[in-house]
Amino acid sequence: MGASGSKARGLWPFASAAGGGGPEVAVSEQALVRPRGRVVPPFVFTRRGSMFYDEDGDLAHEFYEETIVTKNGQKRAKLRRVHKNLIPQGIVKLDTPRIHVDFPVILYEV
């Protein structure tokens, strides 16, 4: 799905500001840092859609149009990819929630 991580200071729990990170690390920079401000759930409910709408309202990843090319007196049909007048799909709701990529958890199956 892509790398959509937030590595800003204070939100990425495994990065230290000093870079060294020995035993002299302050209490505020432990492995599990609590985010400041609002509490963010560890689940993702939506994603950005990867498909596009064309002028007719059709939904697809890629669109092609057939063009007729005349070469040496012979007509030949070729497919040319359409790049113009495409509208992105937008935000898509996921059927089942996913765990956020920045949530520090180890999944274990017994």
PDB file of N, CA and C in Angstrom:
ATOM      1  N   MET A   1       0.794  -1.193   0.000  1.00  0.00           N
ATOM      2  CA  MET A   1       0.000   0.000   0.000  1.00  0.00           C
ATOM      3  C   MET A   1       0.833   1.253   0.000  1.00  0.00           C
ATOM      4  N   GLY A   2       2.092   1.158   0.301  1.00  0.00           N
ATOM      5  CA  GLY A   2       2.924   2.345   0.296  1.00  0.00           C
ATOM      6  C   GLY A   2       3.466   2.656   1.667  1.00  0.00           C
ATOM      7  N   ALA A   3       4.454   3.482   1.679  1.00  0.00           N
ATOM      8  CA  ALA A   3       5.077   3.869   2.933  1.00  0.00           C
ATOM      9  C   ALA A   3       4.494   5.187   3.389  1.00  0.00           C
ATOM     10  N   SER A   4       3.513   5.119   4.246  1.00  0.00           N
ATOM     11  CA  SER A   4       2.883   6.334   4.749  1.00  0.00           C
ATOM     12  C   SER A   4       3.168   6.449   6.241  1.00  0.00           C
ATOM     13  N   GLY A   5       4.399   6.661   6.583  1.00  0.00           N
ATOM     14  CA  GLY A   5       4.793   6.740   7.985  1.00  0.00           C
ATOM     15  C   GLY A   5       5.043   8.164   8.411  1.00  0.00           C
ATOM     16  N   SER A   6       4.881   8.418   9.691  1.00  0.00           N
ATOM     17  CA  SER A   6       5.170   9.746  10.215  1.00  0.00           C
ATOM     18  C   SER A   6       6.422   9.634  11.067  1.00  0.00           C
ATOM     19  N   LYS A   7       7.500  10.220  10.603  1.00  0.00           N
ATOM     20  CA  LYS A   7       8.760  10.140  11.316  1.00  0.00           C
ATOM     21  C   LYS A   7       9.125  11.480  11.947  1.00  0.00           C
ATOM     22  N   ALA A   8       8.130  12.269  12.294  1.00  0.00           N
ATOM     23  CA  ALA A   8       8.387  13.549  12.947  1.00  0.00           C
ATOM     24  C   ALA A   8       8.861  13.304  14.374  1.00  0.00           C
ATOM     25  N   ARG A   9       9.588  14.242  14.921  1.00  0.00           N
ATOM     26  CA  ARG A   9      10.135  14.091  16.270  1.00  0.00           C
ATOM     27  C   ARG A   9       8.986  13.957  17.279  1.00  0.00           C
ATOM     28  N   GLY A  10       9.083  12.969  18.135  1.00  0.00           N
ATOM     29  CA  GLY A  10       8.067  12.746  19.151  1.00  0.00           C
ATOM     30  C   GLY A  10       7.003  11.749  18.736  1.00  0.00           C
ATOM     31  N   LEU A  11       6.836  11.496  17.455  1.00  0.00           N
ATOM     32  CA  LEU A  11       5.832  10.553  17.001  1.00  0.00           C
ATOM     33  C   LEU A  11       6.443   9.206  16.625  1.00  0.00           C
ATOM     34  N   TRP A  12       7.707   9.180  16.232  1.00  0.00           N
ATOM     35  CA  TRP A  12       8.360   7.939  15.855  1.00  0.00           C
ATOM     36  C   TRP A  12       9.039   7.383  17.094  1.00  0.00           C
ATOM     37  N   PRO A  13       8.548   6.274  17.655  1.00  0.00           N
ATOM     38  CA  PRO A  13       9.011   5.838  18.963  1.00  0.00           C
ATOM     39  C   PRO A  13      10.425   5.271  18.988  1.00  0.00           C
ATOM     40  N   PHE A  14      11.013   4.900  17.861  1.00  0.00           N
ATOM     41  CA  PHE A  14      12.311   4.248  17.863  1.00  0.00           C
ATOM     42  C   PHE A  14      13.451   5.178  17.488  1.00  0.00           C
ATOM     43  N   ALA A  15      13.164   6.426  17.174  1.00  0.00           N
ATOM     44  CA  ALA A  15      14.208   7.376  16.789  1.00  0.00           C
ATOM     45  C   ALA A  15      14.516   8.278  17.969  1.00  0.00           C
ATOM     46  N   SER A  16      15.788   8.527  18.192  1.00  0.00           N
ATOM     47  CA  SER A  16      16.162   9.446  19.266  1.00  0.00           C
ATOM     48  C   SER A  16      16.653  10.745  18.655  1.00  0.00           C
ATOM     49  N   ALA A  17      16.486  11.825  19.369  1.00  0.00           N
ATOM     50  CA  ALA A  17      16.885  13.131  18.853  1.00  0.00           C
ATOM     51  C   ALA A  17      18.395  13.269  18.835  1.00  0.00           C
ATOM     52  N   ALA A  18      19.093  12.664  19.820  1.00  0.00           N
ATOM     53  CA  ALA A  18      20.543  12.797  19.905  1.00  0.00           C
ATOM     54  C   ALA A  18      21.258  11.868  18.946  1.00  0.00           C
ATOM     55  N   GLY A  19      20.678  10.729  18.646  1.00  0.00           N
ATOM     56  CA  GLY A  19      21.304   9.790  17.730  1.00  0.00           C
ATOM     57  C   GLY A  19      22.126   8.744  18.439  1.00  0.00           C
ATOM     58  N   GLY A  20      22.718   9.056  19.601  1.00  0.00           N
ATOM     59  CA  GLY A  20      23.536   8.097  20.342  1.00  0.00           C
ATOM     60  C   GLY A  20      22.668   7.090  21.065  1.00  0.00           C
ATOM     61  N   GLY A  21      21.872   7.567  21.980  1.00  0.00           N
ATOM     62  CA  GLY A  21      20.899   6.725  22.653  1.00  0.00           C
ATOM     63  C   GLY A  21      21.504   5.687  23.571  1.00  0.00           C
ATOM     64  N   GLY A  22      22.417   6.064  24.479  1.00  0.00           N
ATOM     65  CA  GLY A  22      22.992   5.133  25.432  1.00  0.00           C
ATOM     66  C   GLY A  22      22.120   5.038  26.668  1.00  0.00           C
ATOM     67  N   PRO A  23      22.682   4.525  27.789  1.00  0.00           N
ATOM     68  CA  PRO A  23      21.897   4.425  29.023  1.00  0.00           C
ATOM     69  C   PRO A  23      21.604   5.785  29.649  1.00  0.00           C
ATOM     70  N   GLU A  24      22.266   6.844  29.176  1.00  0.00           N
ATOM     71  CA  GLU A  24      22.025   8.162  29.741  1.00  0.00           C
ATOM     72  C   GLU A  24      20.830   8.871  29.095  1.00  0.00           C
ATOM     73  N   VAL A  25      20.020   8.133  28.352  1.00  0.00           N
ATOM     74  CA  VAL A  25      18.856   8.723  27.686  1.00  0.00           C
ATOM     75  C   VAL A  25      17.854   9.156  28.749  1.00  0.00           C
ATOM     76  N   ALA A  26      17.281  10.333  28.566  1.00  0.00           N
ATOM     77  CA  ALA A  26      16.323  10.878  29.525  1.00  0.00           C
ATOM     78  C   ALA A  26      15.051  10.041  29.541  1.00  0.00           C
ATOM     79  N   VAL A  27      14.284  10.188  30.602  1.00  0.00           N
ATOM     80  CA  VAL A  27      13.053   9.424  30.775  1.00  0.00           C
ATOM     81  C   VAL A  27      12.047   9.781  29.695  1.00  0.00           C
ATOM     82  N   SER A  28      12.068  11.025  29.201  1.00  0.00           N
ATOM     83  CA  SER A  28      11.099  11.445  28.190  1.00  0.00           C
ATOM     84  C   SER A  28      11.364  10.809  26.834  1.00  0.00           C
ATOM     85  N   GLU A  29      12.548  10.214  26.628  1.00  0.00           N
ATOM     86  CA  GLU A  29      12.869   9.599  25.341  1.00  0.00           C
ATOM     87  C   GLU A  29      13.025   8.094  25.481  1.00  0.00           C
ATOM     88  N   GLN A  30      12.064   7.438  26.102  1.00  0.00           N
ATOM     89  CA  GLN A  30      12.102   5.989  26.215  1.00  0.00           C
ATOM     90  C   GLN A  30      11.577   5.358  24.935  1.00  0.00           C
ATOM     91  N   ALA A  31      11.601   4.034  24.875  1.00  0.00           N
ATOM     92  CA  ALA A  31      11.178   3.322  23.665  1.00  0.00           C
ATOM     93  C   ALA A  31       9.703   3.547  23.365  1.00  0.00           C
ATOM     94  N   LEU A  32       8.876   3.675  24.376  1.00  0.00           N
ATOM     95  CA  LEU A  32       7.450   3.898  24.158  1.00  0.00           C
ATOM     96  C   LEU A  32       7.117   5.324  24.560  1.00  0.00           C
ATOM     97  N   VAL A  33       7.020   6.183  23.599  1.00  0.00           N
ATOM     98  CA  VAL A  33       6.747   7.596  23.827  1.00  0.00           C
ATOM     99  C   VAL A  33       5.258   7.820  23.659  1.00  0.00           C
ATOM    100  N   ARG A  34       4.662   8.494  24.601  1.00  0.00           N
ATOM    101  CA  ARG A  34       3.242   8.819  24.479  1.00  0.00           C
ATOM    102  C   ARG A  34       3.090  10.062  23.619  1.00  0.00           C
ATOM    103  N   PRO A  35       2.209  10.009  22.623  1.00  0.00           N
ATOM    104  CA  PRO A  35       2.041  11.179  21.754  1.00  0.00           C
ATOM    105  C   PRO A  35       1.394  12.330  22.517  1.00  0.00           C
ATOM    106  N   ARG A  36       1.848  13.527  22.197  1.00  0.00           N
ATOM    107  CA  ARG A  36       1.279  14.717  22.827  1.00  0.00           C
ATOM    108  C   ARG A  36      -0.004  15.103  22.094  1.00  0.00           C
ATOM    109  N   GLY A  37      -0.933  15.673  22.828  1.00  0.00           N
ATOM    110  CA  GLY A  37      -2.170  16.121  22.205  1.00  0.00           C
ATOM    111  C   GLY A  37      -3.234  15.030  22.243  1.00  0.00           C
ATOM    112  N   ARG A  38      -3.936  14.869  21.146  1.00  0.00           N
ATOM    113  CA  ARG A  38      -5.038  13.909  21.110  1.00  0.00           C
ATOM    114  C   ARG A  38      -4.522  12.472  20.998  1.00  0.00           C
ATOM    115  N   VAL A  39      -5.324  11.536  21.454  1.00  0.00           N
ATOM    116  CA  VAL A  39      -4.971  10.124  21.407  1.00  0.00           C
ATOM    117  C   VAL A  39      -5.376   9.581  20.036  1.00  0.00           C
ATOM    118  N   VAL A  40      -4.439   8.974  19.349  1.00  0.00           N
ATOM    119  CA  VAL A  40      -4.677   8.459  18.008  1.00  0.00           C
ATOM    120  C   VAL A  40      -4.858   6.943  18.092  1.00  0.00           C
ATOM    121  N   PRO A  41      -5.940   6.402  17.529  1.00  0.00           N
ATOM    122  CA  PRO A  41      -6.135   4.958  17.574  1.00  0.00           C
ATOM    123  C   PRO A  41      -5.111   4.238  16.697  1.00  0.00           C
ATOM    124  N   PRO A  42      -4.761   2.997  17.022  1.00  0.00           N
ATOM    125  CA  PRO A  42      -3.751   2.267  16.246  1.00  0.00           C
ATOM    126  C   PRO A  42      -4.287   1.685  14.952  1.00  0.00           C
ATOM    127  N   PHE A  43      -5.535   1.961  14.600  1.00  0.00           N
ATOM    128  CA  PHE A  43      -6.143   1.364  13.410  1.00  0.00           C
ATOM    129  C   PHE A  43      -6.315   2.395  12.300  1.00  0.00           C
ATOM    130  N   VAL A  44      -6.317   1.908  11.074  1.00  0.00           N
ATOM    131  CA  VAL A  44      -6.550   2.733   9.889  1.00  0.00           C
ATOM    132  C   VAL A  44      -7.865   2.265   9.269  1.00  0.00           C
ATOM    133  N   PHE A  45      -8.785   3.186   9.037  1.00  0.00           N
ATOM    134  CA  PHE A  45     -10.097   2.844   8.526  1.00  0.00           C
ATOM    135  C   PHE A  45     -10.287   3.240   7.063  1.00  0.00           C
ATOM    136  N   THR A  46      -9.447   4.143   6.549  1.00  0.00           N
ATOM    137  CA  THR A  46      -9.567   4.595   5.162  1.00  0.00           C
ATOM    138  C   THR A  46      -8.197   4.574   4.502  1.00  0.00           C
ATOM    139  N   ARG A  47      -8.201   4.617   3.177  1.00  0.00           N
ATOM    140  CA  ARG A  47      -6.970   4.708   2.404  1.00  0.00           C
ATOM    141  C   ARG A  47      -7.246   5.543   1.165  1.00  0.00           C
ATOM    142  N   ARG A  48      -6.175   5.978   0.526  1.00  0.00           N
ATOM    143  CA  ARG A  48      -6.317   6.732  -0.707  1.00  0.00           C
ATOM    144  C   ARG A  48      -6.516   5.750  -1.859  1.00  0.00           C
ATOM    145  N   GLY A  49      -7.508   5.972  -2.680  1.00  0.00           N
ATOM    146  CA  GLY A  49      -7.797   5.075  -3.786  1.00  0.00           C
ATOM    147  C   GLY A  49      -6.745   5.157  -4.878  1.00  0.00           C
ATOM    148  N   SER A  50      -6.518   4.046  -5.561  1.00  0.00           N
ATOM    149  CA  SER A  50      -5.490   4.004  -6.601  1.00  0.00           C
ATOM    150  C   SER A  50      -6.080   4.009  -8.006  1.00  0.00           C
ATOM    151  N   MET A  51      -7.394   4.146  -8.109  1.00  0.00           N
ATOM    152  CA  MET A  51      -8.037   4.123  -9.424  1.00  0.00           C
ATOM    153  C   MET A  51      -8.510   5.526  -9.813  1.00  0.00           C
ATOM    154  N   PHE A  52      -8.954   5.651 -11.074  1.00  0.00           N
ATOM    155  CA  PHE A  52      -9.360   6.937 -11.635  1.00  0.00           C
ATOM    156  C   PHE A  52     -10.701   6.795 -12.341  1.00  0.00           C
ATOM    157  N   TYR A  53     -11.447   7.914 -12.415  1.00  0.00           N
ATOM    158  CA  TYR A  53     -12.669   8.006 -13.201  1.00  0.00           C
ATOM    159  C   TYR A  53     -12.343   8.736 -14.496  1.00  0.00           C
ATOM    160  N   ASP A  54     -12.937   8.278 -15.616  1.00  0.00           N
ATOM    161  CA  ASP A  54     -12.769   9.006 -16.872  1.00  0.00           C
ATOM    162  C   ASP A  54     -13.997   9.868 -17.126  1.00  0.00           C
ATOM    163  N   GLU A  55     -14.095  10.442 -18.336  1.00  0.00           N
ATOM    164  CA  GLU A  55     -15.213  11.342 -18.651  1.00  0.00           C
ATOM    165  C   GLU A  55     -16.556  10.637 -18.632  1.00  0.00           C
ATOM    166  N   ASP A  56     -16.565   9.315 -18.909  1.00  0.00           N
ATOM    167  CA  ASP A  56     -17.813   8.555 -18.950  1.00  0.00           C
ATOM    168  C   ASP A  56     -18.248   8.056 -17.579  1.00  0.00           C
ATOM    169  N   GLY A  57     -17.384   8.207 -16.574  1.00  0.00           N
ATOM    170  CA  GLY A  57     -17.710   7.733 -15.241  1.00  0.00           C
ATOM    171  C   GLY A  57     -17.219   6.320 -14.983  1.00  0.00           C
ATOM    172  N   ASP A  58     -16.425   5.763 -15.889  1.00  0.00           N
ATOM    173  CA  ASP A  58     -15.867   4.431 -15.688  1.00  0.00           C
ATOM    174  C   ASP A  58     -14.715   4.499 -14.702  1.00  0.00           C
ATOM    175  N   LEU A  59     -14.540   3.449 -13.905  1.00  0.00           N
ATOM    176  CA  LEU A  59     -13.506   3.390 -12.876  1.00  0.00           C
ATOM    177  C   LEU A  59     -12.499   2.310 -13.238  1.00  0.00           C
ATOM    178  N   ALA A  60     -11.213   2.685 -13.311  1.00  0.00           N
ATOM    179  CA  ALA A  60     -10.166   1.717 -13.654  1.00  0.00           C
ATOM    180  C   ALA A  60      -8.807   2.259 -13.224  1.00  0.00           C
ATOM    181  N   HIS A  61      -7.792   1.369 -13.236  1.00  0.00           N
ATOM    182  CA  HIS A  61      -6.426   1.789 -12.935  1.00  0.00           C
ATOM    183  C   HIS A  61      -5.805   2.538 -14.113  1.00  0.00           C
ATOM    184  N   GLU A  62      -6.053   2.070 -15.337  1.00  0.00           N
ATOM    185  CA  GLU A  62      -5.496   2.687 -16.543  1.00  0.00           C
ATOM    186  C   GLU A  62      -6.582   2.745 -17.611  1.00  0.00           C
ATOM    187  N   PHE A  63      -6.484   3.755 -18.475  1.00  0.00           N
ATOM    188  CA  PHE A  63      -7.421   3.889 -19.586  1.00  0.00           C
ATOM    189  C   PHE A  63      -6.634   3.964 -20.884  1.00  0.00           C
ATOM    190  N   TYR A  64      -7.169   3.312 -21.921  1.00  0.00           N
ATOM    191  CA  TYR A  64      -6.553   3.308 -23.246  1.00  0.00           C
ATOM    192  C   TYR A  64      -7.604   3.680 -24.273  1.00  0.00           C
ATOM    193  N   GLU A  65      -7.146   4.346 -25.365  1.00  0.00           N
ATOM    194  CA  GLU A  65      -8.031   4.628 -26.477  1.00  0.00           C
ATOM    195  C   GLU A  65      -7.424   4.040 -27.743  1.00  0.00           C
ATOM    196  N   GLU A  66      -8.293   3.596 -28.621  1.00  0.00           N
ATOM    197  CA  GLU A  66      -7.838   2.971 -29.859  1.00  0.00           C
ATOM    198  C   GLU A  66      -7.640   4.045 -30.918  1.00  0.00           C
ATOM    199  N   THR A  67      -6.489   4.072 -31.530  1.00  0.00           N
ATOM    200  CA  THR A  67      -6.201   5.022 -32.598  1.00  0.00           C
ATOM    201  C   THR A  67      -5.845   4.236 -33.859  1.00  0.00           C
ATOM    202  N   ILE A  68      -6.244   4.767 -34.998  1.00  0.00           N
ATOM    203  CA  ILE A  68      -5.953   4.148 -36.291  1.00  0.00           C
ATOM    204  C   ILE A  68      -4.723   4.819 -36.872  1.00  0.00           C
ATOM    205  N   VAL A  69      -3.709   4.024 -37.188  1.00  0.00           N
ATOM    206  CA  VAL A  69      -2.465   4.520 -37.758  1.00  0.00           C
ATOM    207  C   VAL A  69      -2.351   3.979 -39.175  1.00  0.00           C
ATOM    208  N   THR A  70      -2.110   4.897 -40.125  1.00  0.00           N
ATOM    209  CA  THR A  70      -1.914   4.489 -41.515  1.00  0.00           C
ATOM    210  C   THR A  70      -0.426   4.524 -41.809  1.00  0.00           C
ATOM    211  N   LYS A  71       0.121   3.363 -42.164  1.00  0.00           N
ATOM    212  CA  LYS A  71       1.542   3.254 -42.454  1.00  0.00           C
ATOM    213  C   LYS A  71       1.705   2.434 -43.732  1.00  0.00           C
ATOM    214  N   ASN A  72       2.339   3.053 -44.723  1.00  0.00           N
ATOM    215  CA  ASN A  72       2.540   2.417 -46.034  1.00  0.00           C
ATOM    216  C   ASN A  72       1.221   1.988 -46.663  1.00  0.00           C
ATOM    217  N   GLY A  73       0.193   2.790 -46.486  1.00  0.00           N
ATOM    218  CA  GLY A  73      -1.098   2.496 -47.097  1.00  0.00           C
ATOM    219  C   GLY A  73      -1.934   1.486 -46.336  1.00  0.00           C
ATOM    220  N   GLN A  74      -1.443   0.979 -45.233  1.00  0.00           N
ATOM    221  CA  GLN A  74      -2.201  -0.004 -44.453  1.00  0.00           C
ATOM    222  C   GLN A  74      -2.688   0.642 -43.160  1.00  0.00           C
ATOM    223  N   LYS A  75      -3.933   0.359 -42.838  1.00  0.00           N
ATOM    224  CA  LYS A  75      -4.496   0.864 -41.593  1.00  0.00           C
ATOM    225  C   LYS A  75      -4.227  -0.145 -40.479  1.00  0.00           C
ATOM    226  N   ARG A  76      -3.805   0.383 -39.348  1.00  0.00           N
ATOM    227  CA  ARG A  76      -3.490  -0.474 -38.216  1.00  0.00           C
ATOM    228  C   ARG A  76      -4.014   0.182 -36.941  1.00  0.00           C
ATOM    229  N   ALA A  77      -4.607  -0.617 -36.061  1.00  0.00           N
ATOM    230  CA  ALA A  77      -5.154  -0.092 -34.803  1.00  0.00           C
ATOM    231  C   ALA A  77      -4.105  -0.230 -33.701  1.00  0.00           C
ATOM    232  N   LYS A  78      -3.921   0.852 -32.959  1.00  0.00           N
ATOM    233  CA  LYS A  78      -2.997   0.846 -31.822  1.00  0.00           C
ATOM    234  C   LYS A  78      -3.727   1.370 -30.597  1.00  0.00           C
ATOM    235  N   LEU A  79      -3.295   0.903 -29.425  1.00  0.00           N
ATOM    236  CA  LEU A  79      -3.838   1.405 -28.170  1.00  0.00           C
ATOM    237  C   LEU A  79      -2.901   2.446 -27.606  1.00  0.00           C
ATOM    238  N   ARG A  80      -3.463   3.601 -27.243  1.00  0.00           N
ATOM    239  CA  ARG A  80      -2.688   4.685 -26.665  1.00  0.00           C
ATOM    240  C   ARG A  80      -3.243   4.981 -25.274  1.00  0.00           C
ATOM    241  N   ARG A  81      -2.359   5.105 -24.296  1.00  0.00           N
ATOM    242  CA  ARG A  81      -2.798   5.346 -22.928  1.00  0.00           C
ATOM    243  C   ARG A  81      -3.297   6.776 -22.754  1.00  0.00           C
ATOM    244  N   VAL A  82      -4.407   6.925 -22.027  1.00  0.00           N
ATOM    245  CA  VAL A  82      -5.014   8.230 -21.776  1.00  0.00           C
ATOM    246  C   VAL A  82      -4.491   8.761 -20.447  1.00  0.00           C
ATOM    247  N   HIS A  83      -3.979  10.001 -20.442  1.00  0.00           N
ATOM    248  CA  HIS A  83      -3.479  10.640 -19.231  1.00  0.00           C
ATOM    249  C   HIS A  83      -4.306  11.856 -18.839  1.00  0.00           C
ATOM    250  N   LYS A  84      -5.081  12.411 -19.771  1.00  0.00           N
ATOM    251  CA  LYS A  84      -5.810  13.650 -19.510  1.00  0.00           C
ATOM    252  C   LYS A  84      -7.257  13.363 -19.125  1.00  0.00           C
ATOM    253  N   ASN A  85      -7.846  14.299 -18.412  1.00  0.00           N
ATOM    254  CA  ASN A  85      -9.255  14.261 -18.000  1.00  0.00           C
ATOM    255  C   ASN A  85      -9.579  13.059 -17.124  1.00  0.00           C
ATOM    256  N   LEU A  86      -8.654  12.651 -16.270  1.00  0.00           N
ATOM    257  CA  LEU A  86      -8.902  11.575 -15.322  1.00  0.00           C
ATOM    258  C   LEU A  86      -9.034  12.171 -13.925  1.00  0.00           C
ATOM    259  N   ILE A  87     -10.016  11.702 -13.175  1.00  0.00           N
ATOM    260  CA  ILE A  87     -10.290  12.201 -11.836  1.00  0.00           C
ATOM    261  C   ILE A  87      -9.908  11.107 -10.835  1.00  0.00           C
ATOM    262  N   PRO A  88      -9.073  11.408  -9.826  1.00  0.00           N
ATOM    263  CA  PRO A  88      -8.715  10.384  -8.833  1.00  0.00           C
ATOM    264  C   PRO A  88      -9.936   9.889  -8.062  1.00  0.00           C
ATOM    265  N   GLN A  89      -9.858   8.651  -7.619  1.00  0.00           N
ATOM    266  CA  GLN A  89     -10.975   8.033  -6.909  1.00  0.00           C
ATOM    267  C   GLN A  89     -11.224   8.693  -5.563  1.00  0.00           C
ATOM    268  N   GLY A  90     -10.182   9.103  -4.869  1.00  0.00           N
ATOM    269  CA  GLY A  90     -10.334   9.761  -3.580  1.00  0.00           C
ATOM    270  C   GLY A  90     -10.129   8.798  -2.425  1.00  0.00           C
ATOM    271  N   ILE A  91     -10.795   9.057  -1.306  1.00  0.00           N
ATOM    272  CA  ILE A  91     -10.651   8.256  -0.097  1.00  0.00           C
ATOM    273  C   ILE A  91     -11.599   7.064  -0.165  1.00  0.00           C
ATOM    274  N   VAL A  92     -11.050   5.863   0.125  1.00  0.00           N
ATOM    275  CA  VAL A  92     -11.827   4.626   0.081  1.00  0.00           C
ATOM    276  C   VAL A  92     -11.897   4.050   1.488  1.00  0.00           C
ATOM    277  N   LYS A  93     -13.097   3.655   1.916  1.00  0.00           N
ATOM    278  CA  LYS A  93     -13.271   3.054   3.236  1.00  0.00           C
ATOM    279  C   LYS A  93     -12.860   1.584   3.161  1.00  0.00           C
ATOM    280  N   LEU A  94     -12.044   1.135   4.122  1.00  0.00           N
ATOM    281  CA  LEU A  94     -11.603  -0.253   4.164  1.00  0.00           C
ATOM    282  C   LEU A  94     -12.694  -1.138   4.763  1.00  0.00           C
ATOM    283  N   ASP A  95     -12.812  -2.372   4.264  1.00  0.00           N
ATOM    284  CA  ASP A  95     -13.806  -3.305   4.804  1.00  0.00           C
ATOM    285  C   ASP A  95     -13.457  -3.706   6.237  1.00  0.00           C
ATOM    286  N   THR A  96     -12.193  -4.047   6.459  1.00  0.00           N
ATOM    287  CA  THR A  96     -11.733  -4.384   7.805  1.00  0.00           C
ATOM    288  C   THR A  96     -10.625  -3.408   8.190  1.00  0.00           C
ATOM    289  N   PRO A  97     -10.610  -2.918   9.420  1.00  0.00           N
ATOM    290  CA  PRO A  97      -9.559  -1.980   9.830  1.00  0.00           C
ATOM    291  C   PRO A  97      -8.180  -2.630   9.791  1.00  0.00           C
ATOM    292  N   ARG A  98      -7.168  -1.840   9.474  1.00  0.00           N
ATOM    293  CA  ARG A  98      -5.783  -2.306   9.435  1.00  0.00           C
ATOM    294  C   ARG A  98      -5.014  -1.652  10.583  1.00  0.00           C
ATOM    295  N   ILE A  99      -3.909  -2.264  10.996  1.00  0.00           N
ATOM    296  CA  ILE A  99      -3.049  -1.669  12.019  1.00  0.00           C
ATOM    297  C   ILE A  99      -2.159  -0.639  11.344  1.00  0.00           C
ATOM    298  N   HIS A 100      -2.047   0.543  11.968  1.00  0.00           N
ATOM    299  CA  HIS A 100      -1.245   1.627  11.401  1.00  0.00           C
ATOM    300  C   HIS A 100       0.223   1.226  11.339  1.00  0.00           C
ATOM    301  N   VAL A 101       0.925   1.702  10.325  1.00  0.00           N
ATOM    302  CA  VAL A 101       2.315   1.322  10.105  1.00  0.00           C
ATOM    303  C   VAL A 101       3.238   1.828  11.214  1.00  0.00           C
ATOM    304  N   ASP A 102       2.885   2.894  11.891  1.00  0.00           N
ATOM    305  CA  ASP A 102       3.718   3.461  12.952  1.00  0.00           C
ATOM    306  C   ASP A 102       3.385   2.927  14.343  1.00  0.00           C
ATOM    307  N   PHE A 103       2.455   1.999  14.451  1.00  0.00           N
ATOM    308  CA  PHE A 103       2.066   1.485  15.758  1.00  0.00           C
ATOM    309  C   PHE A 103       3.076   0.422  16.201  1.00  0.00           C
ATOM    310  N   PRO A 104       3.810   0.656  17.303  1.00  0.00           N
ATOM    311  CA  PRO A 104       4.870  -0.284  17.707  1.00  0.00           C
ATOM    312  C   PRO A 104       4.314  -1.497  18.431  1.00  0.00           C
ATOM    313  N   VAL A 105       4.009  -2.545  17.710  1.00  0.00           N
ATOM    314  CA  VAL A 105       3.470  -3.755  18.298  1.00  0.00           C
ATOM    315  C   VAL A 105       4.070  -4.958  17.588  1.00  0.00           C
ATOM    316  N   ILE A 106       4.237  -6.028  18.307  1.00  0.00           N
ATOM    317  CA  ILE A 106       4.726  -7.268  17.721  1.00  0.00           C
ATOM    318  C   ILE A 106       3.545  -8.230  17.652  1.00  0.00           C
ATOM    319  N   LEU A 107       3.245  -8.705  16.452  1.00  0.00           N
ATOM    320  CA  LEU A 107       2.154  -9.656  16.261  1.00  0.00           C
ATOM    321  C   LEU A 107       2.695 -11.064  16.456  1.00  0.00           C
ATOM    322  N   TYR A 108       1.992 -11.865  17.234  1.00  0.00           N
ATOM    323  CA  TYR A 108       2.436 -13.207  17.548  1.00  0.00           C
ATOM    324  C   TYR A 108       1.251 -14.142  17.457  1.00  0.00           C
ATOM    325  N   GLU A 109       1.415 -15.238  16.729  1.00  0.00           N
ATOM    326  CA  GLU A 109       0.347 -16.221  16.586  1.00  0.00           C
ATOM    327  C   GLU A 109       0.774 -17.507  17.273  1.00  0.00           C
ATOM    328  N   VAL A 110      -0.105 -18.066  18.110  1.00  0.00           N
ATOM    329  CA  VAL A 110       0.216 -19.299  18.849  1.00  0.00           C
ATOM    330  C   VAL A 110      -0.208 -20.498  18.054  1.00  0.00           C
TER     331      VAL A 110
END
